[in-house]
PDB file of N, CA and C in Angstrom:
ATOM      1  N   MET A   1       0.832  -1.183   0.000  1.00  0.00           N
ATOM      2  CA  MET A   1       0.000   0.000   0.000  1.00  0.00           C
ATOM      3  C   MET A   1       0.881   1.252   0.000  1.00  0.00           C
ATOM      4  N   PHE A   2       0.539   2.197  -0.849  1.00  0.00           N
ATOM      5  CA  PHE A   2       1.302   3.432  -0.971  1.00  0.00           C
ATOM      6  C   PHE A   2       0.886   4.435   0.110  1.00  0.00           C
ATOM      7  N   VAL A   3       1.826   5.297   0.460  1.00  0.00           N
ATOM      8  CA  VAL A   3       1.551   6.415   1.360  1.00  0.00           C
ATOM      9  C   VAL A   3       1.324   7.639   0.473  1.00  0.00           C
ATOM     10  N   VAL A   4       0.301   8.419   0.775  1.00  0.00           N
ATOM     11  CA  VAL A   4       0.022   9.643   0.026  1.00  0.00           C
ATOM     12  C   VAL A   4       0.408  10.839   0.893  1.00  0.00           C
ATOM     13  N   LYS A   5       1.304  11.670   0.350  1.00  0.00           N
ATOM     14  CA  LYS A   5       1.723  12.900   1.035  1.00  0.00           C
ATOM     15  C   LYS A   5       1.524  14.054   0.067  1.00  0.00           C
ATOM     16  N   MET A   6       1.579  15.261   0.586  1.00  0.00           N
ATOM     17  CA  MET A   6       1.385  16.428  -0.263  1.00  0.00           C
ATOM     18  C   MET A   6       2.421  17.497   0.047  1.00  0.00           C
ATOM     19  N   THR A   7       2.715  18.283  -0.966  1.00  0.00           N
ATOM     20  CA  THR A   7       3.573  19.439  -0.754  1.00  0.00           C
ATOM     21  C   THR A   7       2.734  20.559  -0.141  1.00  0.00           C
ATOM     22  N   GLU A   8       3.406  21.496   0.472  1.00  0.00           N
ATOM     23  CA  GLU A   8       2.716  22.656   1.043  1.00  0.00           C
ATOM     24  C   GLU A   8       2.003  23.439  -0.060  1.00  0.00           C
ATOM     25  N   GLU A   9       2.656  23.543  -1.202  1.00  0.00           N
ATOM     26  CA  GLU A   9       2.061  24.247  -2.349  1.00  0.00           C
ATOM     27  C   GLU A   9       0.770  23.566  -2.800  1.00  0.00           C
ATOM     28  N   PHE A  10       0.779  22.231  -2.826  1.00  0.00           N
ATOM     29  CA  PHE A  10      -0.440  21.506  -3.196  1.00  0.00           C
ATOM     30  C   PHE A  10      -1.567  21.837  -2.229  1.00  0.00           C
ATOM     31  N   GLU A  11      -1.271  21.782  -0.953  1.00  0.00           N
ATOM     32  CA  GLU A  11      -2.299  22.017   0.064  1.00  0.00           C
ATOM     33  C   GLU A  11      -2.927  23.408  -0.092  1.00  0.00           C
ATOM     34  N   LYS A  12      -2.095  24.411  -0.301  1.00  0.00           N
ATOM     35  CA  LYS A  12      -2.598  25.778  -0.492  1.00  0.00           C
ATOM     36  C   LYS A  12      -3.437  25.881  -1.768  1.00  0.00           C
ATOM     37  N   SER A  13      -2.919  25.326  -2.849  1.00  0.00           N
ATOM     38  CA  SER A  13      -3.625  25.392  -4.132  1.00  0.00           C
ATOM     39  C   SER A  13      -4.947  24.650  -4.091  1.00  0.00           C
ATOM     40  N   PHE A  14      -4.962  23.514  -3.410  1.00  0.00           N
ATOM     41  CA  PHE A  14      -6.186  22.721  -3.321  1.00  0.00           C
ATOM     42  C   PHE A  14      -7.286  23.542  -2.652  1.00  0.00           C
ATOM     43  N   ARG A  15      -6.966  24.130  -1.515  1.00  0.00           N
ATOM     44  CA  ARG A  15      -7.964  24.918  -0.782  1.00  0.00           C
ATOM     45  C   ARG A  15      -8.410  26.154  -1.569  1.00  0.00           C
ATOM     46  N   LYS A  16      -7.485  26.742  -2.310  1.00  0.00           N
ATOM     47  CA  LYS A  16      -7.778  27.963  -3.056  1.00  0.00           C
ATOM     48  C   LYS A  16      -8.536  27.676  -4.360  1.00  0.00           C
ATOM     49  N   THR A  17      -8.189  26.602  -5.047  1.00  0.00           N
ATOM     50  CA  THR A  17      -8.696  26.333  -6.392  1.00  0.00           C
ATOM     51  C   THR A  17      -9.967  25.498  -6.422  1.00  0.00           C
ATOM     52  N   ILE A  18     -10.031  24.472  -5.581  1.00  0.00           N
ATOM     53  CA  ILE A  18     -11.149  23.528  -5.627  1.00  0.00           C
ATOM     54  C   ILE A  18     -12.303  24.054  -4.773  1.00  0.00           C
ATOM     55  N   PRO A  19     -13.496  24.161  -5.347  1.00  0.00           N
ATOM     56  CA  PRO A  19     -14.648  24.613  -4.554  1.00  0.00           C
ATOM     57  C   PRO A  19     -14.898  23.685  -3.367  1.00  0.00           C
ATOM     58  N   LEU A  20     -15.300  24.266  -2.268  1.00  0.00           N
ATOM     59  CA  LEU A  20     -15.566  23.504  -1.051  1.00  0.00           C
ATOM     60  C   LEU A  20     -16.528  22.350  -1.310  1.00  0.00           C
ATOM     61  N   SER A  21     -17.491  22.566  -2.177  1.00  0.00           N
ATOM     62  CA  SER A  21     -18.487  21.532  -2.478  1.00  0.00           C
ATOM     63  C   SER A  21     -17.885  20.304  -3.156  1.00  0.00           C
ATOM     64  N   MET A  22     -16.687  20.428  -3.742  1.00  0.00           N
ATOM     65  CA  MET A  22     -16.037  19.305  -4.431  1.00  0.00           C
ATOM     66  C   MET A  22     -14.902  18.684  -3.630  1.00  0.00           C
ATOM     67  N   GLN A  23     -14.457  19.342  -2.573  1.00  0.00           N
ATOM     68  CA  GLN A  23     -13.258  18.891  -1.876  1.00  0.00           C
ATOM     69  C   GLN A  23     -13.396  17.498  -1.276  1.00  0.00           C
ATOM     70  N   ASP A  24     -14.507  17.190  -0.634  1.00  0.00           N
ATOM     71  CA  ASP A  24     -14.675  15.855  -0.042  1.00  0.00           C
ATOM     72  C   ASP A  24     -14.633  14.766  -1.102  1.00  0.00           C
ATOM     73  N   GLN A  25     -15.304  15.013  -2.219  1.00  0.00           N
ATOM     74  CA  GLN A  25     -15.309  14.045  -3.319  1.00  0.00           C
ATOM     75  C   GLN A  25     -13.883  13.800  -3.822  1.00  0.00           C
ATOM     76  N   LEU A  26     -13.111  14.855  -3.967  1.00  0.00           N
ATOM     77  CA  LEU A  26     -11.741  14.704  -4.448  1.00  0.00           C
ATOM     78  C   LEU A  26     -10.852  14.009  -3.429  1.00  0.00           C
ATOM     79  N   TRP A  27     -11.021  14.318  -2.141  1.00  0.00           N
ATOM     80  CA  TRP A  27     -10.219  13.630  -1.121  1.00  0.00           C
ATOM     81  C   TRP A  27     -10.511  12.132  -1.136  1.00  0.00           C
ATOM     82  N   SER A  28     -11.740  11.774  -1.403  1.00  0.00           N
ATOM     83  CA  SER A  28     -12.102  10.362  -1.500  1.00  0.00           C
ATOM     84  C   SER A  28     -11.348   9.696  -2.651  1.00  0.00           C
ATOM     85  N   ARG A  29     -11.265  10.371  -3.773  1.00  0.00           N
ATOM     86  CA  ARG A  29     -10.520   9.832  -4.925  1.00  0.00           C
ATOM     87  C   ARG A  29      -9.020   9.792  -4.641  1.00  0.00           C
ATOM     88  N   ILE A  30      -8.522  10.806  -3.954  1.00  0.00           N
ATOM     89  CA  ILE A  30      -7.094  10.851  -3.618  1.00  0.00           C
ATOM     90  C   ILE A  30      -6.730   9.685  -2.702  1.00  0.00           C
ATOM     91  N   ARG A  31      -7.590   9.368  -1.748  1.00  0.00           N
ATOM     92  CA  ARG A  31      -7.312   8.244  -0.836  1.00  0.00           C
ATOM     93  C   ARG A  31      -7.204   6.916  -1.590  1.00  0.00           C
ATOM     94  N   LYS A  32      -7.884   6.799  -2.710  1.00  0.00           N
ATOM     95  CA  LYS A  32      -7.809   5.572  -3.516  1.00  0.00           C
ATOM     96  C   LYS A  32      -6.415   5.364  -4.106  1.00  0.00           C
ATOM     97  N   LEU A  33      -5.631   6.439  -4.179  1.00  0.00           N
ATOM     98  CA  LEU A  33      -4.261   6.323  -4.681  1.00  0.00           C
ATOM     99  C   LEU A  33      -3.400   5.454  -3.767  1.00  0.00           C
ATOM    100  N   GLU A  34      -3.774   5.331  -2.503  1.00  0.00           N
ATOM    101  CA  GLU A  34      -3.020   4.473  -1.579  1.00  0.00           C
ATOM    102  C   GLU A  34      -3.022   3.028  -2.067  1.00  0.00           C
ATOM    103  N   GLU A  35      -4.125   2.588  -2.618  1.00  0.00           N
ATOM    104  CA  GLU A  35      -4.240   1.211  -3.093  1.00  0.00           C
ATOM    105  C   GLU A  35      -3.780   1.057  -4.536  1.00  0.00           C
ATOM    106  N   ASN A  36      -4.029   2.066  -5.356  1.00  0.00           N
ATOM    107  CA  ASN A  36      -3.642   1.985  -6.759  1.00  0.00           C
ATOM    108  C   ASN A  36      -3.260   3.374  -7.275  1.00  0.00           C
ATOM    109  N   PRO A  37      -1.984   3.703  -7.237  1.00  0.00           N
ATOM    110  CA  PRO A  37      -1.563   5.032  -7.681  1.00  0.00           C
ATOM    111  C   PRO A  37      -1.618   5.208  -9.199  1.00  0.00           C
ATOM    112  N   TYR A  38      -1.922   4.141  -9.920  1.00  0.00           N
ATOM    113  CA  TYR A  38      -1.920   4.211 -11.381  1.00  0.00           C
ATOM    114  C   TYR A  38      -3.300   4.494 -11.959  1.00  0.00           C
ATOM    115  N   ILE A  39      -4.264   4.905 -11.119  1.00  0.00           N
ATOM    116  CA  ILE A  39      -5.602   5.183 -11.629  1.00  0.00           C
ATOM    117  C   ILE A  39      -5.658   6.489 -12.415  1.00  0.00           C
ATOM    118  N   GLY A  40      -4.711   7.355 -12.219  1.00  0.00           N
ATOM    119  CA  GLY A  40      -4.703   8.622 -12.947  1.00  0.00           C
ATOM    120  C   GLY A  40      -4.100   8.478 -14.328  1.00  0.00           C
ATOM    121  N   LYS A  41      -4.283   9.505 -15.120  1.00  0.00           N
ATOM    122  CA  LYS A  41      -3.768   9.534 -16.488  1.00  0.00           C
ATOM    123  C   LYS A  41      -2.284   9.901 -16.479  1.00  0.00           C
ATOM    124  N   PRO A  42      -1.434   9.114 -17.175  1.00  0.00           N
ATOM    125  CA  PRO A  42      -0.015   9.479 -17.283  1.00  0.00           C
ATOM    126  C   PRO A  42       0.140  10.742 -18.141  1.00  0.00           C
ATOM    127  N   LEU A  43       1.123  11.556 -17.795  1.00  0.00           N
ATOM    128  CA  LEU A  43       1.304  12.837 -18.487  1.00  0.00           C
ATOM    129  C   LEU A  43       2.633  12.934 -19.216  1.00  0.00           C
ATOM    130  N   GLY A  44       2.999  11.905 -19.933  1.00  0.00           N
ATOM    131  CA  GLY A  44       4.196  11.959 -20.750  1.00  0.00           C
ATOM    132  C   GLY A  44       5.492  11.792 -19.977  1.00  0.00           C
ATOM    133  N   HIS A  45       5.444  11.970 -18.705  1.00  0.00           N
ATOM    134  CA  HIS A  45       6.610  11.753 -17.849  1.00  0.00           C
ATOM    135  C   HIS A  45       6.294  10.525 -17.021  1.00  0.00           C
ATOM    136  N   ILE A  46       7.207   9.609 -16.949  1.00  0.00           N
ATOM    137  CA  ILE A  46       6.926   8.304 -16.349  1.00  0.00           C
ATOM    138  C   ILE A  46       6.346   8.382 -14.939  1.00  0.00           C
ATOM    139  N   ASP A  47       6.700   9.399 -14.176  1.00  0.00           N
ATOM    140  CA  ASP A  47       6.255   9.484 -12.784  1.00  0.00           C
ATOM    141  C   ASP A  47       5.074  10.422 -12.559  1.00  0.00           C
ATOM    142  N   LEU A  48       4.735  11.239 -13.532  1.00  0.00           N
ATOM    143  CA  LEU A  48       3.715  12.277 -13.353  1.00  0.00           C
ATOM    144  C   LEU A  48       2.368  11.828 -13.907  1.00  0.00           C
ATOM    145  N   ARG A  49       1.322  11.999 -13.087  1.00  0.00           N
ATOM    146  CA  ARG A  49      -0.031  11.606 -13.481  1.00  0.00           C
ATOM    147  C   ARG A  49      -1.018  12.664 -13.015  1.00  0.00           C
ATOM    148  N   GLU A  50      -2.268  12.552 -13.508  1.00  0.00           N
ATOM    149  CA  GLU A  50      -3.308  13.482 -13.080  1.00  0.00           C
ATOM    150  C   GLU A  50      -4.620  12.752 -12.842  1.00  0.00           C
ATOM    151  N   LEU A  51      -5.382  13.298 -11.920  1.00  0.00           N
ATOM    152  CA  LEU A  51      -6.772  12.902 -11.711  1.00  0.00           C
ATOM    153  C   LEU A  51      -7.630  14.054 -12.207  1.00  0.00           C
ATOM    154  N   LYS A  52      -8.679  13.737 -12.944  1.00  0.00           N
ATOM    155  CA  LYS A  52      -9.587  14.770 -13.437  1.00  0.00           C
ATOM    156  C   LYS A  52     -10.880  14.735 -12.640  1.00  0.00           C
ATOM    157  N   ALA A  53     -11.390  15.912 -12.356  1.00  0.00           N
ATOM    158  CA  ALA A  53     -12.697  16.050 -11.715  1.00  0.00           C
ATOM    159  C   ALA A  53     -13.326  17.326 -12.254  1.00  0.00           C
ATOM    160  N   ASP A  54     -14.329  17.151 -13.082  1.00  0.00           N
ATOM    161  CA  ASP A  54     -14.985  18.284 -13.715  1.00  0.00           C
ATOM    162  C   ASP A  54     -13.920  19.063 -14.481  1.00  0.00           C
ATOM    163  N   LYS A  55     -13.761  20.349 -14.215  1.00  0.00           N
ATOM    164  CA  LYS A  55     -12.750  21.141 -14.935  1.00  0.00           C
ATOM    165  C   LYS A  55     -11.425  21.224 -14.186  1.00  0.00           C
ATOM    166  N   PHE A  56     -11.279  20.477 -13.112  1.00  0.00           N
ATOM    167  CA  PHE A  56     -10.080  20.559 -12.275  1.00  0.00           C
ATOM    168  C   PHE A  56      -9.161  19.361 -12.476  1.00  0.00           C
ATOM    169  N   ARG A  57      -7.871  19.595 -12.215  1.00  0.00           N
ATOM    170  CA  ARG A  57      -6.857  18.555 -12.336  1.00  0.00           C
ATOM    171  C   ARG A  57      -6.039  18.515 -11.049  1.00  0.00           C
ATOM    172  N   ILE A  58      -5.783  17.283 -10.586  1.00  0.00           N
ATOM    173  CA  ILE A  58      -4.907  17.043  -9.439  1.00  0.00           C
ATOM    174  C   ILE A  58      -3.680  16.328  -9.993  1.00  0.00           C
ATOM    175  N   TYR A  59      -2.492  16.861  -9.752  1.00  0.00           N
ATOM    176  CA  TYR A  59      -1.253  16.282 -10.280  1.00  0.00           C
ATOM    177  C   TYR A  59      -0.492  15.591  -9.159  1.00  0.00           C
ATOM    178  N   PHE A  60       0.062  14.430  -9.494  1.00  0.00           N
ATOM    179  CA  PHE A  60       0.825  13.696  -8.492  1.00  0.00           C
ATOM    180  C   PHE A  60       1.967  12.931  -9.129  1.00  0.00           C
ATOM    181  N   MET A  61       2.986  12.687  -8.313  1.00  0.00           N
ATOM    182  CA  MET A  61       4.166  11.928  -8.726  1.00  0.00           C
ATOM    183  C   MET A  61       4.163  10.608  -7.966  1.00  0.00           C
ATOM    184  N   ILE A  62       4.574   9.556  -8.646  1.00  0.00           N
ATOM    185  CA  ILE A  62       4.687   8.243  -8.015  1.00  0.00           C
ATOM    186  C   ILE A  62       6.169   7.948  -7.806  1.00  0.00           C
ATOM    187  N   TYR A  63       6.514   7.620  -6.570  1.00  0.00           N
ATOM    188  CA  TYR A  63       7.879   7.215  -6.222  1.00  0.00           C
ATOM    189  C   TYR A  63       7.808   5.757  -5.768  1.00  0.00           C
ATOM    190  N   LYS A  64       7.937   4.845  -6.743  1.00  0.00           N
ATOM    191  CA  LYS A  64       7.783   3.407  -6.447  1.00  0.00           C
ATOM    192  C   LYS A  64       8.759   2.930  -5.387  1.00  0.00           C
ATOM    193  N   GLU A  65      10.010   3.375  -5.476  1.00  0.00           N
ATOM    194  CA  GLU A  65      11.036   2.901  -4.545  1.00  0.00           C
ATOM    195  C   GLU A  65      10.744   3.321  -3.105  1.00  0.00           C
ATOM    196  N   LYS A  66       9.993   4.398  -2.937  1.00  0.00           N
ATOM    197  CA  LYS A  66       9.621   4.876  -1.598  1.00  0.00           C
ATOM    198  C   LYS A  66       8.197   4.459  -1.224  1.00  0.00           C
ATOM    199  N   VAL A  67       7.503   3.797  -2.159  1.00  0.00           N
ATOM    200  CA  VAL A  67       6.090   3.418  -1.994  1.00  0.00           C
ATOM    201  C   VAL A  67       5.292   4.665  -1.588  1.00  0.00           C
ATOM    202  N   LEU A  68       5.464   5.714  -2.391  1.00  0.00           N
ATOM    203  CA  LEU A  68       4.938   7.037  -2.068  1.00  0.00           C
ATOM    204  C   LEU A  68       4.244   7.664  -3.273  1.00  0.00           C
ATOM    205  N   VAL A  69       3.130   8.299  -3.011  1.00  0.00           N
ATOM    206  CA  VAL A  69       2.467   9.171  -3.979  1.00  0.00           C
ATOM    207  C   VAL A  69       2.554  10.580  -3.404  1.00  0.00           C
ATOM    208  N   LEU A  70       3.133  11.491  -4.181  1.00  0.00           N
ATOM    209  CA  LEU A  70       3.279  12.872  -3.730  1.00  0.00           C
ATOM    210  C   LEU A  70       2.352  13.768  -4.545  1.00  0.00           C
ATOM    211  N   LEU A  71       1.408  14.396  -3.870  1.00  0.00           N
ATOM    212  CA  LEU A  71       0.488  15.341  -4.507  1.00  0.00           C
ATOM    213  C   LEU A  71       1.243  16.643  -4.719  1.00  0.00           C
ATOM    214  N   VAL A  72       1.332  17.082  -5.988  1.00  0.00           N
ATOM    215  CA  VAL A  72       2.231  18.195  -6.288  1.00  0.00           C
ATOM    216  C   VAL A  72       1.571  19.422  -6.905  1.00  0.00           C
ATOM    217  N   GLY A  73       0.335  19.311  -7.374  1.00  0.00           N
ATOM    218  CA  GLY A  73      -0.270  20.483  -8.001  1.00  0.00           C
ATOM    219  C   GLY A  73      -1.755  20.340  -8.253  1.00  0.00           C
ATOM    220  N   VAL A  74      -2.373  21.485  -8.475  1.00  0.00           N
ATOM    221  CA  VAL A  74      -3.804  21.580  -8.768  1.00  0.00           C
ATOM    222  C   VAL A  74      -3.971  22.669  -9.824  1.00  0.00           C
ATOM    223  N   SER A  75      -4.862  22.437 -10.770  1.00  0.00           N
ATOM    224  CA  SER A  75      -5.188  23.499 -11.727  1.00  0.00           C
ATOM    225  C   SER A  75      -6.583  23.266 -12.281  1.00  0.00           C
ATOM    226  N   ASP A  76      -7.060  24.282 -13.004  1.00  0.00           N
ATOM    227  CA  ASP A  76      -8.257  24.051 -13.797  1.00  0.00           C
ATOM    228  C   ASP A  76      -7.783  23.716 -15.214  1.00  0.00           C
ATOM    229  N   LYS A  77      -8.701  23.353 -16.072  1.00  0.00           N
ATOM    230  CA  LYS A  77      -8.343  22.920 -17.426  1.00  0.00           C
ATOM    231  C   LYS A  77      -7.577  24.007 -18.176  1.00  0.00           C
ATOM    232  N   LYS A  78      -7.953  25.263 -17.978  1.00  0.00           N
ATOM    233  CA  LYS A  78      -7.300  26.362 -18.696  1.00  0.00           C
ATOM    234  C   LYS A  78      -5.822  26.489 -18.346  1.00  0.00           C
ATOM    235  N   GLN A  79      -5.472  26.170 -17.114  1.00  0.00           N
ATOM    236  CA  GLN A  79      -4.090  26.310 -16.645  1.00  0.00           C
ATOM    237  C   GLN A  79      -3.322  24.988 -16.673  1.00  0.00           C
ATOM    238  N   GLN A  80      -3.912  23.960 -17.261  1.00  0.00           N
ATOM    239  CA  GLN A  80      -3.347  22.614 -17.217  1.00  0.00           C
ATOM    240  C   GLN A  80      -1.914  22.550 -17.745  1.00  0.00           C
ATOM    241  N   GLN A  81      -1.678  23.027 -18.951  1.00  0.00           N
ATOM    242  CA  GLN A  81      -0.347  22.898 -19.536  1.00  0.00           C
ATOM    243  C   GLN A  81       0.694  23.679 -18.753  1.00  0.00           C
ATOM    244  N   MET A  82       0.340  24.859 -18.294  1.00  0.00           N
ATOM    245  CA  MET A  82       1.271  25.652 -17.494  1.00  0.00           C
ATOM    246  C   MET A  82       1.629  24.915 -16.200  1.00  0.00           C
ATOM    247  N   ALA A  83       0.642  24.299 -15.559  1.00  0.00           N
ATOM    248  CA  ALA A  83       0.888  23.551 -14.319  1.00  0.00           C
ATOM    249  C   ALA A  83       1.802  22.359 -14.580  1.00  0.00           C
ATOM    250  N   ILE A  84       1.541  21.622 -15.651  1.00  0.00           N
ATOM    251  CA  ILE A  84       2.365  20.455 -15.990  1.00  0.00           C
ATOM    252  C   ILE A  84       3.799  20.886 -16.272  1.00  0.00           C
ATOM    253  N   ASP A  85       3.969  21.939 -17.053  1.00  0.00           N
ATOM    254  CA  ASP A  85       5.315  22.429 -17.371  1.00  0.00           C
ATOM    255  C   ASP A  85       6.061  22.858 -16.109  1.00  0.00           C
ATOM    256  N   THR A  86       5.376  23.506 -15.197  1.00  0.00           N
ATOM    257  CA  THR A  86       5.997  23.939 -13.940  1.00  0.00           C
ATOM    258  C   THR A  86       6.433  22.741 -13.109  1.00  0.00           C
ATOM    259  N   ILE A  87       5.588  21.731 -13.021  1.00  0.00           N
ATOM    260  CA  ILE A  87       5.929  20.526 -12.255  1.00  0.00           C
ATOM    261  C   ILE A  87       7.145  19.838 -12.868  1.00  0.00           C
ATOM    262  N   LYS A  88       7.156  19.688 -14.182  1.00  0.00           N
ATOM    263  CA  LYS A  88       8.296  19.040 -14.852  1.00  0.00           C
ATOM    264  C   LYS A  88       9.579  19.835 -14.644  1.00  0.00           C
ATOM    265  N   ARG A  89       9.468  21.151 -14.737  1.00  0.00           N
ATOM    266  CA  ARG A  89      10.637  22.016 -14.562  1.00  0.00           C
ATOM    267  C   ARG A  89      11.199  21.921 -13.139  1.00  0.00           C
ATOM    268  N   ASN A  90      10.318  21.678 -12.169  1.00  0.00           N
ATOM    269  CA  ASN A  90      10.736  21.620 -10.765  1.00  0.00           C
ATOM    270  C   ASN A  90      10.860  20.203 -10.224  1.00  0.00           C
ATOM    271  N   LYS A  91      10.907  19.218 -11.097  1.00  0.00           N
ATOM    272  CA  LYS A  91      10.975  17.825 -10.655  1.00  0.00           C
ATOM    273  C   LYS A  91      12.163  17.583  -9.729  1.00  0.00           C
ATOM    274  N   HIS A  92      13.296  18.185 -10.017  1.00  0.00           N
ATOM    275  CA  HIS A  92      14.472  17.988  -9.165  1.00  0.00           C
ATOM    276  C   HIS A  92      14.206  18.456  -7.730  1.00  0.00           C
ATOM    277  N   LEU A  93      13.425  19.523  -7.567  1.00  0.00           N
ATOM    278  CA  LEU A  93      13.078  19.997  -6.221  1.00  0.00           C
ATOM    279  C   LEU A  93      12.128  19.025  -5.524  1.00  0.00           C
ATOM    280  N   LEU A  94      11.201  18.460  -6.282  1.00  0.00           N
ATOM    281  CA  LEU A  94      10.281  17.467  -5.718  1.00  0.00           C
ATOM    282  C   LEU A  94      11.043  16.218  -5.300  1.00  0.00           C
ATOM    283  N   ASP A  95      11.994  15.798  -6.139  1.00  0.00           N
ATOM    284  CA  ASP A  95      12.818  14.631  -5.800  1.00  0.00           C
ATOM    285  C   ASP A  95      13.609  14.881  -4.518  1.00  0.00           C
ATOM    286  N   GLU A  96      14.127  16.078  -4.368  1.00  0.00           N
ATOM    287  CA  GLU A  96      14.882  16.434  -3.156  1.00  0.00           C
ATOM    288  C   GLU A  96      13.957  16.446  -1.935  1.00  0.00           C
ATOM    289  N   PHE A  97      12.755  16.965  -2.100  1.00  0.00           N
ATOM    290  CA  PHE A  97      11.759  16.976  -1.028  1.00  0.00           C
ATOM    291  C   PHE A  97      11.479  15.549  -0.559  1.00  0.00           C
ATOM    292  N   VAL A  98      11.279  14.646  -1.506  1.00  0.00           N
ATOM    293  CA  VAL A  98      10.994  13.240  -1.175  1.00  0.00           C
ATOM    294  C   VAL A  98      12.199  12.597  -0.503  1.00  0.00           C
ATOM    295  N   LYS A  99      13.374  12.898  -0.992  1.00  0.00           N
ATOM    296  CA  LYS A  99      14.604  12.338  -0.414  1.00  0.00           C
ATOM    297  C   LYS A  99      14.736  12.710   1.064  1.00  0.00           C
ATOM    298  N   ASN A 100      14.270  13.898   1.426  1.00  0.00           N
ATOM    299  CA  ASN A 100      14.403  14.382   2.801  1.00  0.00           C
ATOM    300  C   ASN A 100      13.220  14.050   3.703  1.00  0.00           C
ATOM    301  N   LEU A 101      12.215  13.361   3.166  1.00  0.00           N
ATOM    302  CA  LEU A 101      11.083  12.936   4.002  1.00  0.00           C
ATOM    303  C   LEU A 101      11.530  11.845   4.961  1.00  0.00           C
ATOM    304  N   ASN A 102      10.946  11.825   6.126  1.00  0.00           N
ATOM    305  CA  ASN A 102      11.262  10.764   7.095  1.00  0.00           C
ATOM    306  C   ASN A 102      10.340   9.593   6.897  1.00  0.00           C
TER     307      ASN A 102
END
């Protein structure tokens, strides 16, 4: 079973971007990543995937060697490509964050 963790940026973006009426539904889907982190759509990068809910996207990285799913971003459909590009550009920082997790 995978452990699901989130970056501080993800947590802030989630609360700011996702309407309160959808948050519980999305948390339920996020918890399913513990059992199967591959339910999301792959995004061209072997470790990066997304969950879709209405017009919103939840981005996450899978770290198989750590048995970890790291929630890394949130966007709406309009900002999707910009969010993906930012995550890919900062992958080295995410890897360092995971390396330093206890």
